């Protein structure tokens, strides 16, 4: 049997304690090299499936700006391949990447070598 003061104290503790589902781990300040490498691998797979239609050999450099939420804010091709069909396709595929959420987001350059 619980008396009134103990019951009131138990209710206060229950109100103060967050539920386990509401507790979020702290965000990293920036992405790890493993995460960046895995997104580069995903970009290669996307480009091979959707952009390459023959046996071409090209190198495309792409700059990706990532928001703190992990979504790509902007992607742009660096250099002369920006106005080509392949360059536009690589840019579209890079815009669809999803990164892990971080405190600051980031700006990353990738070199995609199509062989």
PDB file of N, CA and C in Angstrom:
ATOM      1  N   UNK A   1       0.841  -1.176   0.000  1.00  0.00           N
ATOM      2  CA  UNK A   1       0.000   0.000   0.000  1.00  0.00           C
ATOM      3  C   UNK A   1       0.885   1.238   0.000  1.00  0.00           C
ATOM      4  N   UNK A   2       0.621   2.192  -0.921  1.00  0.00           N
ATOM      5  CA  UNK A   2       1.398   3.420  -1.055  1.00  0.00           C
ATOM      6  C   UNK A   2       0.572   4.570  -0.502  1.00  0.00           C
ATOM      7  N   UNK A   3       1.182   5.336   0.413  1.00  0.00           N
ATOM      8  CA  UNK A   3       0.446   6.481   0.957  1.00  0.00           C
ATOM      9  C   UNK A   3       0.557   7.675   0.008  1.00  0.00           C
ATOM     10  N   UNK A   4      -0.156   8.747   0.256  1.00  0.00           N
ATOM     11  CA  UNK A   4      -0.279   9.894  -0.641  1.00  0.00           C
ATOM     12  C   UNK A   4       1.056  10.567  -0.942  1.00  0.00           C
ATOM     13  N   UNK A   5       1.951  10.860   0.044  1.00  0.00           N
ATOM     14  CA  UNK A   5       3.212  11.530  -0.308  1.00  0.00           C
ATOM     15  C   UNK A   5       4.096  10.681  -1.211  1.00  0.00           C
ATOM     16  N   UNK A   6       4.139   9.378  -0.984  1.00  0.00           N
ATOM     17  CA  UNK A   6       4.955   8.509  -1.835  1.00  0.00           C
ATOM     18  C   UNK A   6       4.391   8.457  -3.251  1.00  0.00           C
ATOM     19  N   UNK A   7       3.073   8.419  -3.350  1.00  0.00           N
ATOM     20  CA  UNK A   7       2.429   8.385  -4.657  1.00  0.00           C
ATOM     21  C   UNK A   7       2.707   9.685  -5.416  1.00  0.00           C
ATOM     22  N   UNK A   8       2.641  10.817  -4.760  1.00  0.00           N
ATOM     23  CA  UNK A   8       2.916  12.100  -5.409  1.00  0.00           C
ATOM     24  C   UNK A   8       4.362  12.169  -5.893  1.00  0.00           C
ATOM     25  N   UNK A   9       5.289  11.649  -5.078  1.00  0.00           N
ATOM     26  CA  UNK A   9       6.696  11.638  -5.474  1.00  0.00           C
ATOM     27  C   UNK A   9       6.915  10.727  -6.688  1.00  0.00           C
ATOM     28  N   UNK A  10       6.258   9.584  -6.732  1.00  0.00           N
ATOM     29  CA  UNK A  10       6.382   8.663  -7.866  1.00  0.00           C
ATOM     30  C   UNK A  10       5.827   9.289  -9.139  1.00  0.00           C
ATOM     31  N   UNK A  11       4.737  10.035  -9.034  1.00  0.00           N
ATOM     32  CA  UNK A  11       4.154  10.698 -10.195  1.00  0.00           C
ATOM     33  C   UNK A  11       5.095  11.778 -10.706  1.00  0.00           C
ATOM     34  N   UNK A  12       5.731  12.549  -9.801  1.00  0.00           N
ATOM     35  CA  UNK A  12       6.682  13.593 -10.208  1.00  0.00           C
ATOM     36  C   UNK A  12       7.873  12.985 -10.942  1.00  0.00           C
ATOM     37  N   UNK A  13       8.421  11.880 -10.419  1.00  0.00           N
ATOM     38  CA  UNK A  13       9.557  11.226 -11.088  1.00  0.00           C
ATOM     39  C   UNK A  13       9.153  10.715 -12.463  1.00  0.00           C
ATOM     40  N   UNK A  14       7.962  10.190 -12.591  1.00  0.00           N
ATOM     41  CA  UNK A  14       7.498   9.681 -13.888  1.00  0.00           C
ATOM     42  C   UNK A  14       7.351  10.819 -14.894  1.00  0.00           C
ATOM     43  N   UNK A  15       6.932  11.987 -14.430  1.00  0.00           N
ATOM     44  CA  UNK A  15       6.799  13.124 -15.330  1.00  0.00           C
ATOM     45  C   UNK A  15       8.149  13.682 -15.747  1.00  0.00           C
ATOM     46  N   UNK A  16       9.148  13.624 -14.876  1.00  0.00           N
ATOM     47  CA  UNK A  16      10.463  14.167 -15.180  1.00  0.00           C
ATOM     48  C   UNK A  16      11.277  13.270 -16.100  1.00  0.00           C
ATOM     49  N   UNK A  17      11.136  11.973 -15.964  1.00  0.00           N
ATOM     50  CA  UNK A  17      11.958  11.033 -16.729  1.00  0.00           C
ATOM     51  C   UNK A  17      11.450  10.941 -18.161  1.00  0.00           C
ATOM     52  N   UNK A  18      12.333  11.147 -19.144  1.00  0.00           N
ATOM     53  CA  UNK A  18      11.890  11.004 -20.536  1.00  0.00           C
ATOM     54  C   UNK A  18      11.676   9.540 -20.881  1.00  0.00           C
ATOM     55  N   UNK A  19      10.807   9.334 -21.825  1.00  0.00           N
ATOM     56  CA  UNK A  19      10.570   7.966 -22.268  1.00  0.00           C
ATOM     57  C   UNK A  19      11.745   7.496 -23.103  1.00  0.00           C
ATOM     58  N   UNK A  20      12.052   6.203 -23.112  1.00  0.00           N
ATOM     59  CA  UNK A  20      13.215   5.706 -23.866  1.00  0.00           C
ATOM     60  C   UNK A  20      13.178   6.047 -25.345  1.00  0.00           C
ATOM     61  N   UNK A  21      12.013   6.105 -25.951  1.00  0.00           N
ATOM     62  CA  UNK A  21      11.919   6.401 -27.391  1.00  0.00           C
ATOM     63  C   UNK A  21      12.250   7.866 -27.685  1.00  0.00           C
ATOM     64  N   UNK A  22      12.113   8.744 -26.680  1.00  0.00           N
ATOM     65  CA  UNK A  22      12.352  10.158 -26.900  1.00  0.00           C
ATOM     66  C   UNK A  22      13.826  10.531 -26.756  1.00  0.00           C
ATOM     67  N   UNK A  23      14.607   9.700 -26.127  1.00  0.00           N
ATOM     68  CA  UNK A  23      16.019  10.001 -25.937  1.00  0.00           C
ATOM     69  C   UNK A  23      16.764   9.741 -27.242  1.00  0.00           C
ATOM     70  N   UNK A  24      17.445  10.775 -27.753  1.00  0.00           N
ATOM     71  CA  UNK A  24      18.176  10.634 -29.004  1.00  0.00           C
ATOM     72  C   UNK A  24      19.669  10.705 -28.712  1.00  0.00           C
ATOM     73  N   UNK A  25      20.463   9.905 -29.409  1.00  0.00           N
ATOM     74  CA  UNK A  25      21.908   9.987 -29.214  1.00  0.00           C
ATOM     75  C   UNK A  25      22.429  11.326 -29.730  1.00  0.00           C
ATOM     76  N   UNK A  26      23.507  11.820 -29.167  1.00  0.00           N
ATOM     77  CA  UNK A  26      24.051  13.092 -29.652  1.00  0.00           C
ATOM     78  C   UNK A  26      24.546  12.958 -31.082  1.00  0.00           C
ATOM     79  N   UNK A  27      24.391  14.031 -31.850  1.00  0.00           N
ATOM     80  CA  UNK A  27      24.812  14.021 -33.245  1.00  0.00           C
ATOM     81  C   UNK A  27      26.316  14.190 -33.347  1.00  0.00           C
ATOM     82  N   UNK A  28      26.901  13.558 -34.345  1.00  0.00           N
ATOM     83  CA  UNK A  28      28.326  13.756 -34.620  1.00  0.00           C
ATOM     84  C   UNK A  28      28.527  15.136 -35.212  1.00  0.00           C
ATOM     85  N   UNK A  29      29.724  15.659 -35.047  1.00  0.00           N
ATOM     86  CA  UNK A  29      29.997  16.971 -35.622  1.00  0.00           C
ATOM     87  C   UNK A  29      30.220  16.882 -37.124  1.00  0.00           C
ATOM     88  N   UNK A  30      30.805  15.775 -37.602  1.00  0.00           N
ATOM     89  CA  UNK A  30      30.971  15.600 -39.043  1.00  0.00           C
ATOM     90  C   UNK A  30      30.924  14.117 -39.376  1.00  0.00           C
ATOM     91  N   UNK A  31      30.813  13.820 -40.656  1.00  0.00           N
ATOM     92  CA  UNK A  31      30.701  12.434 -41.108  1.00  0.00           C
ATOM     93  C   UNK A  31      32.044  11.734 -41.037  1.00  0.00           C
ATOM     94  N   UNK A  32      32.005  10.459 -40.743  1.00  0.00           N
ATOM     95  CA  UNK A  32      33.237   9.672 -40.698  1.00  0.00           C
ATOM     96  C   UNK A  32      33.649   9.276 -42.113  1.00  0.00           C
ATOM     97  N   UNK A  33      34.906   8.882 -42.259  1.00  0.00           N
ATOM     98  CA  UNK A  33      35.397   8.477 -43.575  1.00  0.00           C
ATOM     99  C   UNK A  33      34.681   7.220 -44.059  1.00  0.00           C
ATOM    100  N   UNK A  34      34.282   6.363 -43.152  1.00  0.00           N
ATOM    101  CA  UNK A  34      33.542   5.160 -43.540  1.00  0.00           C
ATOM    102  C   UNK A  34      32.200   5.531 -44.161  1.00  0.00           C
ATOM    103  N   UNK A  35      31.507   6.493 -43.559  1.00  0.00           N
ATOM    104  CA  UNK A  35      30.223   6.928 -44.104  1.00  0.00           C
ATOM    105  C   UNK A  35      30.404   7.589 -45.463  1.00  0.00           C
ATOM    106  N   UNK A  36      31.446   8.405 -45.596  1.00  0.00           N
ATOM    107  CA  UNK A  36      31.700   9.060 -46.880  1.00  0.00           C
ATOM    108  C   UNK A  36      32.029   8.038 -47.963  1.00  0.00           C
ATOM    109  N   UNK A  37      32.829   7.043 -47.613  1.00  0.00           N
ATOM    110  CA  UNK A  37      33.209   6.011 -48.576  1.00  0.00           C
ATOM    111  C   UNK A  37      31.996   5.185 -48.992  1.00  0.00           C
ATOM    112  N   UNK A  38      31.110   4.880 -48.044  1.00  0.00           N
ATOM    113  CA  UNK A  38      29.928   4.085 -48.406  1.00  0.00           C
ATOM    114  C   UNK A  38      28.999   4.869 -49.331  1.00  0.00           C
ATOM    115  N   UNK A  39      28.887   6.183 -49.133  1.00  0.00           N
ATOM    116  CA  UNK A  39      28.063   6.994 -50.033  1.00  0.00           C
ATOM    117  C   UNK A  39      28.707   7.107 -51.404  1.00  0.00           C
ATOM    118  N   UNK A  40      30.031   7.120 -51.458  1.00  0.00           N
ATOM    119  CA  UNK A  40      30.717   7.142 -52.752  1.00  0.00           C
ATOM    120  C   UNK A  40      30.459   5.833 -53.492  1.00  0.00           C
ATOM    121  N   UNK A  41      30.507   4.721 -52.782  1.00  0.00           N
ATOM    122  CA  UNK A  41      30.202   3.431 -53.399  1.00  0.00           C
ATOM    123  C   UNK A  41      28.768   3.403 -53.921  1.00  0.00           C
ATOM    124  N   UNK A  42      27.844   3.981 -53.142  1.00  0.00           N
ATOM    125  CA  UNK A  42      26.450   4.035 -53.592  1.00  0.00           C
ATOM    126  C   UNK A  42      26.324   4.912 -54.838  1.00  0.00           C
ATOM    127  N   UNK A  43      27.057   6.020 -54.888  1.00  0.00           N
ATOM    128  CA  UNK A  43      27.037   6.885 -56.063  1.00  0.00           C
ATOM    129  C   UNK A  43      27.556   6.138 -57.288  1.00  0.00           C
ATOM    130  N   UNK A  44      28.640   5.368 -57.135  1.00  0.00           N
ATOM    131  CA  UNK A  44      29.166   4.565 -58.247  1.00  0.00           C
ATOM    132  C   UNK A  44      28.103   3.601 -58.767  1.00  0.00           C
ATOM    133  N   UNK A  45      27.411   2.901 -57.858  1.00  0.00           N
ATOM    134  CA  UNK A  45      26.375   1.952 -58.282  1.00  0.00           C
ATOM    135  C   UNK A  45      25.250   2.661 -59.031  1.00  0.00           C
ATOM    136  N   UNK A  46      24.815   3.804 -58.518  1.00  0.00           N
ATOM    137  CA  UNK A  46      23.738   4.552 -59.170  1.00  0.00           C
ATOM    138  C   UNK A  46      24.156   5.005 -60.569  1.00  0.00           C
ATOM    139  N   UNK A  47      25.381   5.501 -60.694  1.00  0.00           N
ATOM    140  CA  UNK A  47      25.867   5.984 -61.993  1.00  0.00           C
ATOM    141  C   UNK A  47      25.974   4.835 -62.979  1.00  0.00           C
ATOM    142  N   UNK A  48      26.506   3.697 -62.544  1.00  0.00           N
ATOM    143  CA  UNK A  48      26.642   2.548 -63.434  1.00  0.00           C
ATOM    144  C   UNK A  48      25.275   2.063 -63.929  1.00  0.00           C
ATOM    145  N   UNK A  49      24.259   2.098 -63.067  1.00  0.00           N
ATOM    146  CA  UNK A  49      22.933   1.621 -63.454  1.00  0.00           C
ATOM    147  C   UNK A  49      22.180   2.608 -64.329  1.00  0.00           C
ATOM    148  N   UNK A  50      22.301   3.905 -64.040  1.00  0.00           N
ATOM    149  CA  UNK A  50      21.412   4.865 -64.670  1.00  0.00           C
ATOM    150  C   UNK A  50      22.069   5.780 -65.691  1.00  0.00           C
ATOM    151  N   UNK A  51      23.375   5.944 -65.635  1.00  0.00           N
ATOM    152  CA  UNK A  51      24.009   6.957 -66.489  1.00  0.00           C
ATOM    153  C   UNK A  51      24.862   6.378 -67.607  1.00  0.00           C
ATOM    154  N   UNK A  52      25.453   5.234 -67.411  1.00  0.00           N
ATOM    155  CA  UNK A  52      26.396   4.679 -68.375  1.00  0.00           C
ATOM    156  C   UNK A  52      25.661   3.722 -69.295  1.00  0.00           C
ATOM    157  N   UNK A  53      25.696   4.019 -70.602  1.00  0.00           N
ATOM    158  CA  UNK A  53      24.997   3.159 -71.546  1.00  0.00           C
ATOM    159  C   UNK A  53      25.941   2.500 -72.550  1.00  0.00           C
ATOM    160  N   UNK A  54      27.215   2.755 -72.427  1.00  0.00           N
ATOM    161  CA  UNK A  54      28.183   2.113 -73.323  1.00  0.00           C
ATOM    162  C   UNK A  54      29.500   1.954 -72.578  1.00  0.00           C
ATOM    163  N   UNK A  55      30.515   1.568 -73.283  1.00  0.00           N
ATOM    164  CA  UNK A  55      31.826   1.363 -72.649  1.00  0.00           C
ATOM    165  C   UNK A  55      32.609   2.674 -72.695  1.00  0.00           C
ATOM    166  N   UNK A  56      32.193   3.609 -71.879  1.00  0.00           N
ATOM    167  CA  UNK A  56      32.887   4.895 -71.839  1.00  0.00           C
ATOM    168  C   UNK A  56      33.926   4.909 -70.726  1.00  0.00           C
ATOM    169  N   UNK A  57      34.898   5.756 -70.899  1.00  0.00           N
ATOM    170  CA  UNK A  57      35.945   5.935 -69.897  1.00  0.00           C
ATOM    171  C   UNK A  57      36.017   7.431 -69.602  1.00  0.00           C
ATOM    172  N   UNK A  58      35.498   7.816 -68.459  1.00  0.00           N
ATOM    173  CA  UNK A  58      35.457   9.225 -68.090  1.00  0.00           C
ATOM    174  C   UNK A  58      35.778   9.372 -66.610  1.00  0.00           C
ATOM    175  N   UNK A  59      36.197  10.563 -66.246  1.00  0.00           N
ATOM    176  CA  UNK A  59      36.383  10.934 -64.846  1.00  0.00           C
ATOM    177  C   UNK A  59      35.593  12.211 -64.621  1.00  0.00           C
ATOM    178  N   UNK A  60      34.731  12.177 -63.633  1.00  0.00           N
ATOM    179  CA  UNK A  60      33.888  13.324 -63.318  1.00  0.00           C
ATOM    180  C   UNK A  60      34.101  13.676 -61.856  1.00  0.00           C
ATOM    181  N   UNK A  61      34.371  14.950 -61.599  1.00  0.00           N
ATOM    182  CA  UNK A  61      34.499  15.429 -60.228  1.00  0.00           C
ATOM    183  C   UNK A  61      33.204  16.124 -59.860  1.00  0.00           C
ATOM    184  N   UNK A  62      32.697  15.797 -58.671  1.00  0.00           N
ATOM    185  CA  UNK A  62      31.425  16.364 -58.244  1.00  0.00           C
ATOM    186  C   UNK A  62      31.553  16.881 -56.810  1.00  0.00           C
ATOM    187  N   UNK A  63      30.987  18.039 -56.562  1.00  0.00           N
ATOM    188  CA  UNK A  63      30.969  18.642 -55.231  1.00  0.00           C
ATOM    189  C   UNK A  63      29.565  18.473 -54.652  1.00  0.00           C
ATOM    190  N   UNK A  64      29.494  18.028 -53.406  1.00  0.00           N
ATOM    191  CA  UNK A  64      28.214  17.765 -52.753  1.00  0.00           C
ATOM    192  C   UNK A  64      28.160  18.558 -51.449  1.00  0.00           C
ATOM    193  N   UNK A  65      27.108  19.359 -51.290  1.00  0.00           N
ATOM    194  CA  UNK A  65      26.877  20.077 -50.025  1.00  0.00           C
ATOM    195  C   UNK A  65      25.764  19.352 -49.276  1.00  0.00           C
ATOM    196  N   UNK A  66      26.068  18.956 -48.022  1.00  0.00           N
ATOM    197  CA  UNK A  66      25.141  18.170 -47.212  1.00  0.00           C
ATOM    198  C   UNK A  66      24.610  19.032 -46.073  1.00  0.00           C
ATOM    199  N   UNK A  67      23.294  19.010 -45.877  1.00  0.00           N
ATOM    200  CA  UNK A  67      22.650  19.732 -44.784  1.00  0.00           C
ATOM    201  C   UNK A  67      22.856  18.961 -43.474  1.00  0.00           C
ATOM    202  N   UNK A  68      22.678  19.611 -42.329  1.00  0.00           N
ATOM    203  CA  UNK A  68      22.792  18.900 -41.055  1.00  0.00           C
ATOM    204  C   UNK A  68      21.819  17.732 -40.911  1.00  0.00           C
ATOM    205  N   UNK A  69      20.722  17.752 -41.643  1.00  0.00           N
ATOM    206  CA  UNK A  69      19.762  16.649 -41.582  1.00  0.00           C
ATOM    207  C   UNK A  69      20.249  15.409 -42.317  1.00  0.00           C
ATOM    208  N   UNK A  70      21.265  15.556 -43.166  1.00  0.00           N
ATOM    209  CA  UNK A  70      21.783  14.436 -43.941  1.00  0.00           C
ATOM    210  C   UNK A  70      21.351  14.459 -45.390  1.00  0.00           C
ATOM    211  N   UNK A  71      20.427  15.326 -45.725  1.00  0.00           N
ATOM    212  CA  UNK A  71      19.969  15.447 -47.111  1.00  0.00           C
ATOM    213  C   UNK A  71      20.972  16.290 -47.907  1.00  0.00           C
ATOM    214  N   UNK A  72      21.080  16.009 -49.187  1.00  0.00           N
ATOM    215  CA  UNK A  72      21.976  16.776 -50.057  1.00  0.00           C
ATOM    216  C   UNK A  72      21.289  18.088 -50.412  1.00  0.00           C
ATOM    217  N   UNK A  73      21.925  19.211 -50.061  1.00  0.00           N
ATOM    218  CA  UNK A  73      21.385  20.526 -50.407  1.00  0.00           C
ATOM    219  C   UNK A  73      21.665  20.855 -51.864  1.00  0.00           C
ATOM    220  N   UNK A  74      22.886  20.570 -52.302  1.00  0.00           N
ATOM    221  CA  UNK A  74      23.259  20.902 -53.679  1.00  0.00           C
ATOM    222  C   UNK A  74      24.359  19.962 -54.134  1.00  0.00           C
ATOM    223  N   UNK A  75      24.384  19.695 -55.420  1.00  0.00           N
ATOM    224  CA  UNK A  75      25.449  18.913 -56.042  1.00  0.00           C
ATOM    225  C   UNK A  75      25.786  19.579 -57.363  1.00  0.00           C
ATOM    226  N   UNK A  76      27.067  19.679 -57.647  1.00  0.00           N
ATOM    227  CA  UNK A  76      27.471  20.297 -58.909  1.00  0.00           C
ATOM    228  C   UNK A  76      28.709  19.603 -59.443  1.00  0.00           C
ATOM    229  N   UNK A  77      28.774  19.512 -60.758  1.00  0.00           N
ATOM    230  CA  UNK A  77      29.917  18.902 -61.421  1.00  0.00           C
ATOM    231  C   UNK A  77      30.990  19.968 -61.570  1.00  0.00           C
ATOM    232  N   UNK A  78      32.216  19.609 -61.217  1.00  0.00           N
ATOM    233  CA  UNK A  78      33.349  20.520 -61.316  1.00  0.00           C
ATOM    234  C   UNK A  78      34.082  20.214 -62.611  1.00  0.00           C
ATOM    235  N   UNK A  79      34.315  21.219 -63.429  1.00  0.00           N
ATOM    236  CA  UNK A  79      35.073  21.015 -64.656  1.00  0.00           C
ATOM    237  C   UNK A  79      34.196  20.999 -65.887  1.00  0.00           C
ATOM    238  N   UNK A  80      34.767  20.492 -66.969  1.00  0.00           N
ATOM    239  CA  UNK A  80      34.146  20.563 -68.281  1.00  0.00           C
ATOM    240  C   UNK A  80      33.007  19.608 -68.525  1.00  0.00           C
ATOM    241  N   UNK A  81      32.782  18.641 -67.669  1.00  0.00           N
ATOM    242  CA  UNK A  81      31.717  17.658 -67.909  1.00  0.00           C
ATOM    243  C   UNK A  81      30.356  18.124 -67.406  1.00  0.00           C
ATOM    244  N   UNK A  82      30.248  19.319 -66.861  1.00  0.00           N
ATOM    245  CA  UNK A  82      28.995  19.790 -66.257  1.00  0.00           C
ATOM    246  C   UNK A  82      27.853  19.890 -67.258  1.00  0.00           C
ATOM    247  N   UNK A  83      28.137  20.281 -68.467  1.00  0.00           N
ATOM    248  CA  UNK A  83      27.064  20.496 -69.443  1.00  0.00           C
ATOM    249  C   UNK A  83      26.747  19.257 -70.280  1.00  0.00           C
ATOM    250  N   UNK A  84      27.416  18.151 -70.044  1.00  0.00           N
ATOM    251  CA  UNK A  84      27.155  16.937 -70.814  1.00  0.00           C
ATOM    252  C   UNK A  84      26.008  16.142 -70.206  1.00  0.00           C
ATOM    253  N   UNK A  85      25.472  15.239 -70.994  1.00  0.00           N
ATOM    254  CA  UNK A  85      24.397  14.366 -70.515  1.00  0.00           C
ATOM    255  C   UNK A  85      24.878  13.520 -69.335  1.00  0.00           C
ATOM    256  N   UNK A  86      26.099  13.013 -69.421  1.00  0.00           N
ATOM    257  CA  UNK A  86      26.659  12.200 -68.338  1.00  0.00           C
ATOM    258  C   UNK A  86      26.844  13.040 -67.070  1.00  0.00           C
ATOM    259  N   UNK A  87      27.340  14.252 -67.218  1.00  0.00           N
ATOM    260  CA  UNK A  87      27.542  15.126 -66.066  1.00  0.00           C
ATOM    261  C   UNK A  87      26.237  15.453 -65.360  1.00  0.00           C
ATOM    262  N   UNK A  88      25.194  15.739 -66.129  1.00  0.00           N
ATOM    263  CA  UNK A  88      23.886  16.031 -65.543  1.00  0.00           C
ATOM    264  C   UNK A  88      23.313  14.805 -64.840  1.00  0.00           C
ATOM    265  N   UNK A  89      23.521  13.633 -65.407  1.00  0.00           N
ATOM    266  CA  UNK A  89      23.024  12.403 -64.803  1.00  0.00           C
ATOM    267  C   UNK A  89      23.747  12.112 -63.482  1.00  0.00           C
ATOM    268  N   UNK A  90      25.057  12.294 -63.463  1.00  0.00           N
ATOM    269  CA  UNK A  90      25.831  12.064 -62.236  1.00  0.00           C
ATOM    270  C   UNK A  90      25.384  13.051 -61.160  1.00  0.00           C
ATOM    271  N   UNK A  91      25.140  14.297 -61.534  1.00  0.00           N
ATOM    272  CA  UNK A  91      24.675  15.297 -60.568  1.00  0.00           C
ATOM    273  C   UNK A  91      23.324  14.894 -59.974  1.00  0.00           C
ATOM    274  N   UNK A  92      22.399  14.440 -60.816  1.00  0.00           N
ATOM    275  CA  UNK A  92      21.083  14.002 -60.317  1.00  0.00           C
ATOM    276  C   UNK A  92      21.216  12.829 -59.361  1.00  0.00           C
ATOM    277  N   UNK A  93      22.112  11.890 -59.674  1.00  0.00           N
ATOM    278  CA  UNK A  93      22.295  10.734 -58.796  1.00  0.00           C
ATOM    279  C   UNK A  93      22.919  11.154 -57.464  1.00  0.00           C
ATOM    280  N   UNK A  94      23.824  12.114 -57.491  1.00  0.00           N
ATOM    281  CA  UNK A  94      24.443  12.599 -56.254  1.00  0.00           C
ATOM    282  C   UNK A  94      23.422  13.328 -55.384  1.00  0.00           C
ATOM    283  N   UNK A  95      22.470  14.017 -55.999  1.00  0.00           N
ATOM    284  CA  UNK A  95      21.444  14.728 -55.233  1.00  0.00           C
ATOM    285  C   UNK A  95      20.521  13.777 -54.489  1.00  0.00           C
ATOM    286  N   UNK A  96      20.462  12.521 -54.891  1.00  0.00           N
ATOM    287  CA  UNK A  96      19.577  11.558 -54.251  1.00  0.00           C
ATOM    288  C   UNK A  96      20.238  10.800 -53.099  1.00  0.00           C
ATOM    289  N   UNK A  97      21.512  11.047 -52.839  1.00  0.00           N
ATOM    290  CA  UNK A  97      22.194  10.373 -51.752  1.00  0.00           C
ATOM    291  C   UNK A  97      21.655  10.845 -50.409  1.00  0.00           C
ATOM    292  N   UNK A  98      21.700   9.980 -49.414  1.00  0.00           N
ATOM    293  CA  UNK A  98      21.305  10.322 -48.049  1.00  0.00           C
ATOM    294  C   UNK A  98      22.494  10.055 -47.133  1.00  0.00           C
ATOM    295  N   UNK A  99      22.875  11.057 -46.382  1.00  0.00           N
ATOM    296  CA  UNK A  99      23.971  10.940 -45.433  1.00  0.00           C
ATOM    297  C   UNK A  99      23.399  10.871 -44.025  1.00  0.00           C
ATOM    298  N   UNK A 100      24.230  10.523 -43.055  1.00  0.00           N
ATOM    299  CA  UNK A 100      23.811  10.531 -41.660  1.00  0.00           C
ATOM    300  C   UNK A 100      23.678  11.975 -41.182  1.00  0.00           C
ATOM    301  N   UNK A 101      22.791  12.205 -40.231  1.00  0.00           N
ATOM    302  CA  UNK A 101      22.605  13.554 -39.688  1.00  0.00           C
ATOM    303  C   UNK A 101      23.819  13.932 -38.838  1.00  0.00           C
ATOM    304  N   UNK A 102      24.265  15.163 -38.991  1.00  0.00           N
ATOM    305  CA  UNK A 102      25.386  15.682 -38.215  1.00  0.00           C
ATOM    306  C   UNK A 102      25.027  17.065 -37.686  1.00  0.00           C
ATOM    307  N   UNK A 103      25.876  17.604 -36.838  1.00  0.00           N
ATOM    308  CA  UNK A 103      25.611  18.933 -36.292  1.00  0.00           C
ATOM    309  C   UNK A 103      25.830  20.024 -37.330  1.00  0.00           C
ATOM    310  N   UNK A 104      26.828  19.845 -38.192  1.00  0.00           N
ATOM    311  CA  UNK A 104      27.218  20.911 -39.104  1.00  0.00           C
ATOM    312  C   UNK A 104      26.904  20.646 -40.570  1.00  0.00           C
ATOM    313  N   UNK A 105      26.630  19.423 -40.944  1.00  0.00           N
ATOM    314  CA  UNK A 105      26.520  19.106 -42.359  1.00  0.00           C
ATOM    315  C   UNK A 105      27.919  19.040 -42.949  1.00  0.00           C
ATOM    316  N   UNK A 106      28.096  19.437 -44.185  1.00  0.00           N
ATOM    317  CA  UNK A 106      29.439  19.420 -44.748  1.00  0.00           C
ATOM    318  C   UNK A 106      29.450  19.651 -46.243  1.00  0.00           C
ATOM    319  N   UNK A 107      30.661  19.727 -46.758  1.00  0.00           N
ATOM    320  CA  UNK A 107      30.890  19.937 -48.179  1.00  0.00           C
ATOM    321  C   UNK A 107      31.948  18.935 -48.599  1.00  0.00           C
ATOM    322  N   UNK A 108      31.637  18.070 -49.557  1.00  0.00           N
ATOM    323  CA  UNK A 108      32.527  16.979 -49.936  1.00  0.00           C
ATOM    324  C   UNK A 108      32.694  16.936 -51.442  1.00  0.00           C
ATOM    325  N   UNK A 109      33.886  16.585 -51.869  1.00  0.00           N
ATOM    326  CA  UNK A 109      34.180  16.403 -53.292  1.00  0.00           C
ATOM    327  C   UNK A 109      34.404  14.926 -53.563  1.00  0.00           C
ATOM    328  N   UNK A 110      33.803  14.428 -54.610  1.00  0.00           N
ATOM    329  CA  UNK A 110      33.983  13.059 -55.045  1.00  0.00           C
ATOM    330  C   UNK A 110      34.539  13.053 -56.469  1.00  0.00           C
ATOM    331  N   UNK A 111      35.384  12.094 -56.742  1.00  0.00           N
ATOM    332  CA  UNK A 111      35.857  11.866 -58.106  1.00  0.00           C
ATOM    333  C   UNK A 111      35.301  10.527 -58.547  1.00  0.00           C
ATOM    334  N   UNK A 112      34.442  10.555 -59.554  1.00  0.00           N
ATOM    335  CA  UNK A 112      33.807   9.336 -60.072  1.00  0.00           C
ATOM    336  C   UNK A 112      34.559   8.933 -61.328  1.00  0.00           C
ATOM    337  N   UNK A 113      35.200   7.783 -61.273  1.00  0.00           N
ATOM    338  CA  UNK A 113      35.928   7.262 -62.434  1.00  0.00           C
ATOM    339  C   UNK A 113      35.116   6.156 -63.070  1.00  0.00           C
ATOM    340  N   UNK A 114      34.698   6.376 -64.288  1.00  0.00           N
ATOM    341  CA  UNK A 114      33.909   5.391 -65.023  1.00  0.00           C
ATOM    342  C   UNK A 114      34.862   4.655 -65.933  1.00  0.00           C
ATOM    343  N   UNK A 115      35.010   3.376 -65.678  1.00  0.00           N
ATOM    344  CA  UNK A 115      35.942   2.531 -66.454  1.00  0.00           C
ATOM    345  C   UNK A 115      35.242   1.349 -67.036  1.00  0.00           C
TER     346      UNK A 115
END
